[in-house]
């Protein structure tokens, strides 16, 4: 098994919305990818008006990460926000 770790930050005023988005949109999509064993989201408030998020995903092997992230496993994978069409 192998872990993929990604860390990013958002303005503290946007942190709750970011966390909700991750729980409702991004994490379920990550968990459904073949070879993914676990997804963990960590949150840490900083003293500079930013909140840091660290995503830890556990995979069967590097080939599963490449299938998910593409040829550069260091690059972040962003899940597009769902939009409400009226």
PDB file of N, CA and C in Angstrom:
ATOM      1  N   UNK A   1       0.833  -1.187   0.000  1.00  0.00           N
ATOM      2  CA  UNK A   1       0.000   0.000   0.000  1.00  0.00           C
ATOM      3  C   UNK A   1       0.873   1.245   0.000  1.00  0.00           C
ATOM      4  N   UNK A   2       0.263   2.330  -0.486  1.00  0.00           N
ATOM      5  CA  UNK A   2       0.986   3.592  -0.594  1.00  0.00           C
ATOM      6  C   UNK A   2       0.032   4.741  -0.248  1.00  0.00           C
ATOM      7  N   UNK A   3       0.564   5.772   0.379  1.00  0.00           N
ATOM      8  CA  UNK A   3      -0.251   6.940   0.739  1.00  0.00           C
ATOM      9  C   UNK A   3       0.053   8.082  -0.217  1.00  0.00           C
ATOM     10  N   UNK A   4      -0.981   8.814  -0.556  1.00  0.00           N
ATOM     11  CA  UNK A   4      -0.849  10.045  -1.336  1.00  0.00           C
ATOM     12  C   UNK A   4      -1.323  11.165  -0.424  1.00  0.00           C
ATOM     13  N   UNK A   5      -0.496  12.183  -0.240  1.00  0.00           N
ATOM     14  CA  UNK A   5      -0.812  13.267   0.693  1.00  0.00           C
ATOM     15  C   UNK A   5      -0.807  14.583  -0.065  1.00  0.00           C
ATOM     16  N   UNK A   6      -1.874  15.350   0.103  1.00  0.00           N
ATOM     17  CA  UNK A   6      -1.993  16.655  -0.520  1.00  0.00           C
ATOM     18  C   UNK A   6      -2.402  17.655   0.550  1.00  0.00           C
ATOM     19  N   UNK A   7      -1.764  18.824   0.555  1.00  0.00           N
ATOM     20  CA  UNK A   7      -2.100  19.877   1.504  1.00  0.00           C
ATOM     21  C   UNK A   7      -2.377  21.165   0.741  1.00  0.00           C
ATOM     22  N   UNK A   8      -3.453  21.834   1.147  1.00  0.00           N
ATOM     23  CA  UNK A   8      -3.818  23.120   0.568  1.00  0.00           C
ATOM     24  C   UNK A   8      -4.420  23.987   1.659  1.00  0.00           C
ATOM     25  N   UNK A   9      -4.622  25.253   1.364  1.00  0.00           N
ATOM     26  CA  UNK A   9      -5.167  26.169   2.361  1.00  0.00           C
ATOM     27  C   UNK A   9      -6.234  27.039   1.727  1.00  0.00           C
ATOM     28  N   UNK A  10      -7.136  27.520   2.560  1.00  0.00           N
ATOM     29  CA  UNK A  10      -8.182  28.436   2.147  1.00  0.00           C
ATOM     30  C   UNK A  10      -8.292  29.542   3.186  1.00  0.00           C
ATOM     31  N   UNK A  11      -8.968  30.614   2.813  1.00  0.00           N
ATOM     32  CA  UNK A  11      -9.207  31.655   3.812  1.00  0.00           C
ATOM     33  C   UNK A  11     -10.061  31.052   4.922  1.00  0.00           C
ATOM     34  N   UNK A  12      -9.808  31.434   6.150  1.00  0.00           N
ATOM     35  CA  UNK A  12     -10.546  30.880   7.283  1.00  0.00           C
ATOM     36  C   UNK A  12     -12.049  31.093   7.121  1.00  0.00           C
ATOM     37  N   UNK A  13     -12.460  32.221   6.575  1.00  0.00           N
ATOM     38  CA  UNK A  13     -13.896  32.479   6.397  1.00  0.00           C
ATOM     39  C   UNK A  13     -14.535  31.504   5.410  1.00  0.00           C
ATOM     40  N   UNK A  14     -13.731  30.853   4.559  1.00  0.00           N
ATOM     41  CA  UNK A  14     -14.240  29.891   3.585  1.00  0.00           C
ATOM     42  C   UNK A  14     -14.043  28.434   4.015  1.00  0.00           C
ATOM     43  N   UNK A  15     -13.447  28.222   5.176  1.00  0.00           N
ATOM     44  CA  UNK A  15     -13.056  26.873   5.586  1.00  0.00           C
ATOM     45  C   UNK A  15     -14.244  25.932   5.766  1.00  0.00           C
ATOM     46  N   UNK A  16     -15.314  26.383   6.395  1.00  0.00           N
ATOM     47  CA  UNK A  16     -16.469  25.505   6.596  1.00  0.00           C
ATOM     48  C   UNK A  16     -17.076  25.086   5.265  1.00  0.00           C
ATOM     49  N   UNK A  17     -17.204  26.026   4.327  1.00  0.00           N
ATOM     50  CA  UNK A  17     -17.758  25.710   3.006  1.00  0.00           C
ATOM     51  C   UNK A  17     -16.838  24.754   2.255  1.00  0.00           C
ATOM     52  N   UNK A  18     -15.534  24.952   2.376  1.00  0.00           N
ATOM     53  CA  UNK A  18     -14.575  24.058   1.731  1.00  0.00           C
ATOM     54  C   UNK A  18     -14.692  22.650   2.306  1.00  0.00           C
ATOM     55  N   UNK A  19     -14.798  22.553   3.619  1.00  0.00           N
ATOM     56  CA  UNK A  19     -14.915  21.239   4.255  1.00  0.00           C
ATOM     57  C   UNK A  19     -16.207  20.541   3.809  1.00  0.00           C
ATOM     58  N   UNK A  20     -17.296  21.287   3.734  1.00  0.00           N
ATOM     59  CA  UNK A  20     -18.568  20.699   3.307  1.00  0.00           C
ATOM     60  C   UNK A  20     -18.466  20.208   1.858  1.00  0.00           C
ATOM     61  N   UNK A  21     -17.872  21.016   0.995  1.00  0.00           N
ATOM     62  CA  UNK A  21     -17.664  20.636  -0.398  1.00  0.00           C
ATOM     63  C   UNK A  21     -16.846  19.346  -0.489  1.00  0.00           C
ATOM     64  N   UNK A  22     -15.765  19.286   0.278  1.00  0.00           N
ATOM     65  CA  UNK A  22     -14.917  18.095   0.250  1.00  0.00           C
ATOM     66  C   UNK A  22     -15.704  16.860   0.688  1.00  0.00           C
ATOM     67  N   UNK A  23     -16.480  16.986   1.758  1.00  0.00           N
ATOM     68  CA  UNK A  23     -17.260  15.844   2.258  1.00  0.00           C
ATOM     69  C   UNK A  23     -18.337  15.401   1.270  1.00  0.00           C
ATOM     70  N   UNK A  24     -18.991  16.363   0.619  1.00  0.00           N
ATOM     71  CA  UNK A  24     -20.131  16.032  -0.230  1.00  0.00           C
ATOM     72  C   UNK A  24     -19.747  15.699  -1.671  1.00  0.00           C
ATOM     73  N   UNK A  25     -18.664  16.286  -2.180  1.00  0.00           N
ATOM     74  CA  UNK A  25     -18.328  16.133  -3.593  1.00  0.00           C
ATOM     75  C   UNK A  25     -17.021  15.366  -3.804  1.00  0.00           C
ATOM     76  N   UNK A  26     -15.940  15.866  -3.247  1.00  0.00           N
ATOM     77  CA  UNK A  26     -14.623  15.306  -3.558  1.00  0.00           C
ATOM     78  C   UNK A  26     -14.360  13.955  -2.905  1.00  0.00           C
ATOM     79  N   UNK A  27     -14.595  13.837  -1.610  1.00  0.00           N
ATOM     80  CA  UNK A  27     -14.261  12.587  -0.920  1.00  0.00           C
ATOM     81  C   UNK A  27     -15.036  11.387  -1.440  1.00  0.00           C
ATOM     82  N   UNK A  28     -16.337  11.494  -1.670  1.00  0.00           N
ATOM     83  CA  UNK A  28     -17.037  10.319  -2.220  1.00  0.00           C
ATOM     84  C   UNK A  28     -16.474   9.892  -3.577  1.00  0.00           C
ATOM     85  N   UNK A  29     -16.099  10.849  -4.414  1.00  0.00           N
ATOM     86  CA  UNK A  29     -15.513  10.506  -5.708  1.00  0.00           C
ATOM     87  C   UNK A  29     -14.169   9.826  -5.556  1.00  0.00           C
ATOM     88  N   UNK A  30     -13.339  10.298  -4.631  1.00  0.00           N
ATOM     89  CA  UNK A  30     -12.038   9.670  -4.386  1.00  0.00           C
ATOM     90  C   UNK A  30     -12.217   8.248  -3.881  1.00  0.00           C
ATOM     91  N   UNK A  31     -13.155   8.046  -2.995  1.00  0.00           N
ATOM     92  CA  UNK A  31     -13.351   6.738  -2.373  1.00  0.00           C
ATOM     93  C   UNK A  31     -13.822   5.692  -3.374  1.00  0.00           C
ATOM     94  N   UNK A  32     -14.453   6.120  -4.471  1.00  0.00           N
ATOM     95  CA  UNK A  32     -14.978   5.188  -5.464  1.00  0.00           C
ATOM     96  C   UNK A  32     -13.961   4.766  -6.515  1.00  0.00           C
ATOM     97  N   UNK A  33     -12.749   5.302  -6.475  1.00  0.00           N
ATOM     98  CA  UNK A  33     -11.733   4.985  -7.477  1.00  0.00           C
ATOM     99  C   UNK A  33     -11.118   3.624  -7.167  1.00  0.00           C
ATOM    100  N   UNK A  34     -10.949   2.819  -8.205  1.00  0.00           N
ATOM    101  CA  UNK A  34     -10.362   1.481  -8.040  1.00  0.00           C
ATOM    102  C   UNK A  34      -8.997   1.566  -7.365  1.00  0.00           C
ATOM    103  N   UNK A  35      -8.784   0.731  -6.398  1.00  0.00           N
ATOM    104  CA  UNK A  35      -7.506   0.684  -5.687  1.00  0.00           C
ATOM    105  C   UNK A  35      -7.417   1.619  -4.507  1.00  0.00           C
ATOM    106  N   UNK A  36      -8.436   2.455  -4.295  1.00  0.00           N
ATOM    107  CA  UNK A  36      -8.434   3.360  -3.142  1.00  0.00           C
ATOM    108  C   UNK A  36      -8.937   2.605  -1.924  1.00  0.00           C
ATOM    109  N   UNK A  37      -8.163   2.635  -0.858  1.00  0.00           N
ATOM    110  CA  UNK A  37      -8.506   1.921   0.377  1.00  0.00           C
ATOM    111  C   UNK A  37      -9.069   2.810   1.469  1.00  0.00           C
ATOM    112  N   UNK A  38      -8.677   4.078   1.480  1.00  0.00           N
ATOM    113  CA  UNK A  38      -9.139   4.977   2.539  1.00  0.00           C
ATOM    114  C   UNK A  38      -8.885   6.421   2.136  1.00  0.00           C
ATOM    115  N   UNK A  39      -9.714   7.305   2.679  1.00  0.00           N
ATOM    116  CA  UNK A  39      -9.568   8.743   2.471  1.00  0.00           C
ATOM    117  C   UNK A  39      -9.717   9.412   3.834  1.00  0.00           C
ATOM    118  N   UNK A  40      -8.794  10.297   4.161  1.00  0.00           N
ATOM    119  CA  UNK A  40      -8.825  11.009   5.433  1.00  0.00           C
ATOM    120  C   UNK A  40      -8.623  12.494   5.155  1.00  0.00           C
ATOM    121  N   UNK A  41      -9.476  13.327   5.746  1.00  0.00           N
ATOM    122  CA  UNK A  41      -9.344  14.775   5.604  1.00  0.00           C
ATOM    123  C   UNK A  41      -8.985  15.356   6.974  1.00  0.00           C
ATOM    124  N   UNK A  42      -7.900  16.102   7.021  1.00  0.00           N
ATOM    125  CA  UNK A  42      -7.457  16.764   8.247  1.00  0.00           C
ATOM    126  C   UNK A  42      -7.588  18.274   8.054  1.00  0.00           C
ATOM    127  N   UNK A  43      -7.929  18.972   9.122  1.00  0.00           N
ATOM    128  CA  UNK A  43      -8.122  20.426   9.067  1.00  0.00           C
ATOM    129  C   UNK A  43      -7.355  21.065  10.213  1.00  0.00           C
ATOM    130  N   UNK A  44      -6.660  22.183   9.896  1.00  0.00           N
ATOM    131  CA  UNK A  44      -5.885  22.879  10.925  1.00  0.00           C
ATOM    132  C   UNK A  44      -5.997  24.374  10.715  1.00  0.00           C
ATOM    133  N   UNK A  45      -6.466  25.081  11.741  1.00  0.00           N
ATOM    134  CA  UNK A  45      -6.523  26.542  11.693  1.00  0.00           C
ATOM    135  C   UNK A  45      -5.132  27.102  11.922  1.00  0.00           C
ATOM    136  N   UNK A  46      -4.789  28.121  11.154  1.00  0.00           N
ATOM    137  CA  UNK A  46      -3.491  28.778  11.284  1.00  0.00           C
ATOM    138  C   UNK A  46      -3.695  30.163  11.872  1.00  0.00           C
ATOM    139  N   UNK A  47      -2.628  30.833  12.196  1.00  0.00           N
ATOM    140  CA  UNK A  47      -2.713  32.171  12.782  1.00  0.00           C
ATOM    141  C   UNK A  47      -2.626  33.280  11.748  1.00  0.00           C
ATOM    142  N   UNK A  48      -2.754  32.939  10.474  1.00  0.00           N
ATOM    143  CA  UNK A  48      -2.628  33.949   9.422  1.00  0.00           C
ATOM    144  C   UNK A  48      -3.899  34.056   8.577  1.00  0.00           C
ATOM    145  N   UNK A  49      -5.056  33.826   9.189  1.00  0.00           N
ATOM    146  CA  UNK A  49      -6.353  33.888   8.522  1.00  0.00           C
ATOM    147  C   UNK A  49      -6.482  32.852   7.411  1.00  0.00           C
ATOM    148  N   UNK A  50      -5.786  31.740   7.573  1.00  0.00           N
ATOM    149  CA  UNK A  50      -5.923  30.628   6.638  1.00  0.00           C
ATOM    150  C   UNK A  50      -6.208  29.358   7.431  1.00  0.00           C
ATOM    151  N   UNK A  51      -6.890  28.460   6.779  1.00  0.00           N
ATOM    152  CA  UNK A  51      -7.129  27.131   7.341  1.00  0.00           C
ATOM    153  C   UNK A  51      -6.552  26.133   6.357  1.00  0.00           C
ATOM    154  N   UNK A  52      -5.769  25.228   6.874  1.00  0.00           N
ATOM    155  CA  UNK A  52      -5.064  24.256   6.058  1.00  0.00           C
ATOM    156  C   UNK A  52      -5.838  22.938   6.047  1.00  0.00           C
ATOM    157  N   UNK A  53      -5.921  22.328   4.883  1.00  0.00           N
ATOM    158  CA  UNK A  53      -6.535  21.014   4.739  1.00  0.00           C
ATOM    159  C   UNK A  53      -5.489  20.049   4.203  1.00  0.00           C
ATOM    160  N   UNK A  54      -5.406  18.887   4.809  1.00  0.00           N
ATOM    161  CA  UNK A  54      -4.527  17.841   4.324  1.00  0.00           C
ATOM    162  C   UNK A  54      -5.370  16.617   4.014  1.00  0.00           C
ATOM    163  N   UNK A  55      -5.227  16.130   2.796  1.00  0.00           N
ATOM    164  CA  UNK A  55      -5.944  14.944   2.363  1.00  0.00           C
ATOM    165  C   UNK A  55      -4.949  13.798   2.308  1.00  0.00           C
ATOM    166  N   UNK A  56      -5.283  12.699   2.951  1.00  0.00           N
ATOM    167  CA  UNK A  56      -4.456  11.500   2.916  1.00  0.00           C
ATOM    168  C   UNK A  56      -5.305  10.401   2.290  1.00  0.00           C
ATOM    169  N   UNK A  57      -4.833   9.866   1.177  1.00  0.00           N
ATOM    170  CA  UNK A  57      -5.525   8.747   0.556  1.00  0.00           C
ATOM    171  C   UNK A  57      -4.586   7.548   0.553  1.00  0.00           C
ATOM    172  N   UNK A  58      -5.147   6.386   0.781  1.00  0.00           N
ATOM    173  CA  UNK A  58      -4.373   5.141   0.828  1.00  0.00           C
ATOM    174  C   UNK A  58      -4.757   4.307  -0.398  1.00  0.00           C
ATOM    175  N   UNK A  59      -3.742   3.833  -1.105  1.00  0.00           N
ATOM    176  CA  UNK A  59      -3.935   3.129  -2.370  1.00  0.00           C
ATOM    177  C   UNK A  59      -3.249   1.762  -2.346  1.00  0.00           C
ATOM    178  N   UNK A  60      -3.745   0.866  -3.194  1.00  0.00           N
ATOM    179  CA  UNK A  60      -3.116  -0.452  -3.333  1.00  0.00           C
ATOM    180  C   UNK A  60      -1.697  -0.328  -3.872  1.00  0.00           C
ATOM    181  N   UNK A  61      -1.484   0.584  -4.822  1.00  0.00           N
ATOM    182  CA  UNK A  61      -0.157   0.744  -5.406  1.00  0.00           C
ATOM    183  C   UNK A  61      -0.062   1.991  -6.251  1.00  0.00           C
ATOM    184  N   UNK A  62       1.136   2.315  -6.727  1.00  0.00           N
ATOM    185  CA  UNK A  62       1.350   3.528  -7.499  1.00  0.00           C
ATOM    186  C   UNK A  62       0.539   3.560  -8.798  1.00  0.00           C
ATOM    187  N   UNK A  63       0.286   2.412  -9.389  1.00  0.00           N
ATOM    188  CA  UNK A  63      -0.492   2.385 -10.629  1.00  0.00           C
ATOM    189  C   UNK A  63      -1.922   2.881 -10.403  1.00  0.00           C
ATOM    190  N   UNK A  64      -2.465   2.658  -9.200  1.00  0.00           N
ATOM    191  CA  UNK A  64      -3.806   3.166  -8.889  1.00  0.00           C
ATOM    192  C   UNK A  64      -3.802   4.683  -8.752  1.00  0.00           C
ATOM    193  N   UNK A  65      -2.735   5.229  -8.184  1.00  0.00           N
ATOM    194  CA  UNK A  65      -2.614   6.680  -8.064  1.00  0.00           C
ATOM    195  C   UNK A  65      -2.502   7.302  -9.451  1.00  0.00           C
ATOM    196  N   UNK A  66      -1.709   6.698 -10.318  1.00  0.00           N
ATOM    197  CA  UNK A  66      -1.553   7.209 -11.676  1.00  0.00           C
ATOM    198  C   UNK A  66      -2.883   7.171 -12.427  1.00  0.00           C
ATOM    199  N   UNK A  67      -3.662   6.109 -12.233  1.00  0.00           N
ATOM    200  CA  UNK A  67      -4.973   6.009 -12.878  1.00  0.00           C
ATOM    201  C   UNK A  67      -5.904   7.111 -12.382  1.00  0.00           C
ATOM    202  N   UNK A  68      -5.748   7.502 -11.130  1.00  0.00           N
ATOM    203  CA  UNK A  68      -6.582   8.552 -10.535  1.00  0.00           C
ATOM    204  C   UNK A  68      -6.075   9.950 -10.883  1.00  0.00           C
ATOM    205  N   UNK A  69      -4.775  10.170 -10.690  1.00  0.00           N
ATOM    206  CA  UNK A  69      -4.204  11.522 -10.770  1.00  0.00           C
ATOM    207  C   UNK A  69      -3.593  11.858 -12.123  1.00  0.00           C
ATOM    208  N   UNK A  70      -3.350  10.854 -12.947  1.00  0.00           N
ATOM    209  CA  UNK A  70      -2.676  11.087 -14.215  1.00  0.00           C
ATOM    210  C   UNK A  70      -1.185  10.821 -14.083  1.00  0.00           C
ATOM    211  N   UNK A  71      -0.426  11.197 -15.109  1.00  0.00           N
ATOM    212  CA  UNK A  71       0.993  10.847 -15.125  1.00  0.00           C
ATOM    213  C   UNK A  71       1.845  11.543 -14.072  1.00  0.00           C
ATOM    214  N   UNK A  72       1.346  12.637 -13.499  1.00  0.00           N
ATOM    215  CA  UNK A  72       2.088  13.346 -12.442  1.00  0.00           C
ATOM    216  C   UNK A  72       1.358  13.164 -11.110  1.00  0.00           C
ATOM    217  N   UNK A  73       1.730  12.161 -10.329  1.00  0.00           N
ATOM    218  CA  UNK A  73       1.011  11.890  -9.081  1.00  0.00           C
ATOM    219  C   UNK A  73       1.162  12.987  -8.028  1.00  0.00           C
ATOM    220  N   UNK A  74       2.086  13.914  -8.234  1.00  0.00           N
ATOM    221  CA  UNK A  74       2.269  15.024  -7.304  1.00  0.00           C
ATOM    222  C   UNK A  74       1.256  16.140  -7.537  1.00  0.00           C
ATOM    223  N   UNK A  75       0.622  16.126  -8.680  1.00  0.00           N
ATOM    224  CA  UNK A  75      -0.323  17.183  -9.038  1.00  0.00           C
ATOM    225  C   UNK A  75      -1.667  16.954  -8.349  1.00  0.00           C
ATOM    226  N   UNK A  76      -2.241  18.032  -7.839  1.00  0.00           N
ATOM    227  CA  UNK A  76      -3.537  17.942  -7.163  1.00  0.00           C
ATOM    228  C   UNK A  76      -4.634  17.596  -8.170  1.00  0.00           C
ATOM    229  N   UNK A  77      -5.622  16.850  -7.703  1.00  0.00           N
ATOM    230  CA  UNK A  77      -6.790  16.523  -8.513  1.00  0.00           C
ATOM    231  C   UNK A  77      -7.961  17.298  -7.931  1.00  0.00           C
ATOM    232  N   UNK A  78      -8.576  18.139  -8.750  1.00  0.00           N
ATOM    233  CA  UNK A  78      -9.694  18.953  -8.289  1.00  0.00           C
ATOM    234  C   UNK A  78     -10.988  18.407  -8.853  1.00  0.00           C
ATOM    235  N   UNK A  79     -11.969  18.261  -7.993  1.00  0.00           N
ATOM    236  CA  UNK A  79     -13.293  17.834  -8.394  1.00  0.00           C
ATOM    237  C   UNK A  79     -14.124  19.073  -8.648  1.00  0.00           C
ATOM    238  N   UNK A  80     -14.696  19.226  -9.853  1.00  0.00           N
ATOM    239  CA  UNK A  80     -15.482  20.426 -10.128  1.00  0.00           C
ATOM    240  C   UNK A  80     -16.670  20.544  -9.174  1.00  0.00           C
ATOM    241  N   UNK A  81     -16.957  21.760  -8.799  1.00  0.00           N
ATOM    242  CA  UNK A  81     -18.115  22.012  -7.919  1.00  0.00           C
ATOM    243  C   UNK A  81     -19.390  21.705  -8.672  1.00  0.00           C
ATOM    244  N   UNK A  82     -20.353  21.183  -7.958  1.00  0.00           N
ATOM    245  CA  UNK A  82     -21.654  20.937  -8.551  1.00  0.00           C
ATOM    246  C   UNK A  82     -22.362  22.276  -8.691  1.00  0.00           C
ATOM    247  N   UNK A  83     -23.043  22.471  -9.775  1.00  0.00           N
ATOM    248  CA  UNK A  83     -23.767  23.718  -9.957  1.00  0.00           C
ATOM    249  C   UNK A  83     -25.260  23.441 -10.017  1.00  0.00           C
ATOM    250  N   UNK A  84     -26.015  24.406  -9.568  1.00  0.00           N
ATOM    251  CA  UNK A  84     -27.469  24.310  -9.626  1.00  0.00           C
ATOM    252  C   UNK A  84     -27.928  25.042 -10.869  1.00  0.00           C
ATOM    253  N   UNK A  85     -28.548  24.331 -11.780  1.00  0.00           N
ATOM    254  CA  UNK A  85     -29.068  24.957 -12.992  1.00  0.00           C
ATOM    255  C   UNK A  85     -30.526  25.299 -12.769  1.00  0.00           C
ATOM    256  N   UNK A  86     -30.899  26.499 -13.155  1.00  0.00           N
ATOM    257  CA  UNK A  86     -32.289  26.928 -13.005  1.00  0.00           C
ATOM    258  C   UNK A  86     -32.899  27.160 -14.364  1.00  0.00           C
TER     259      UNK A  86
END
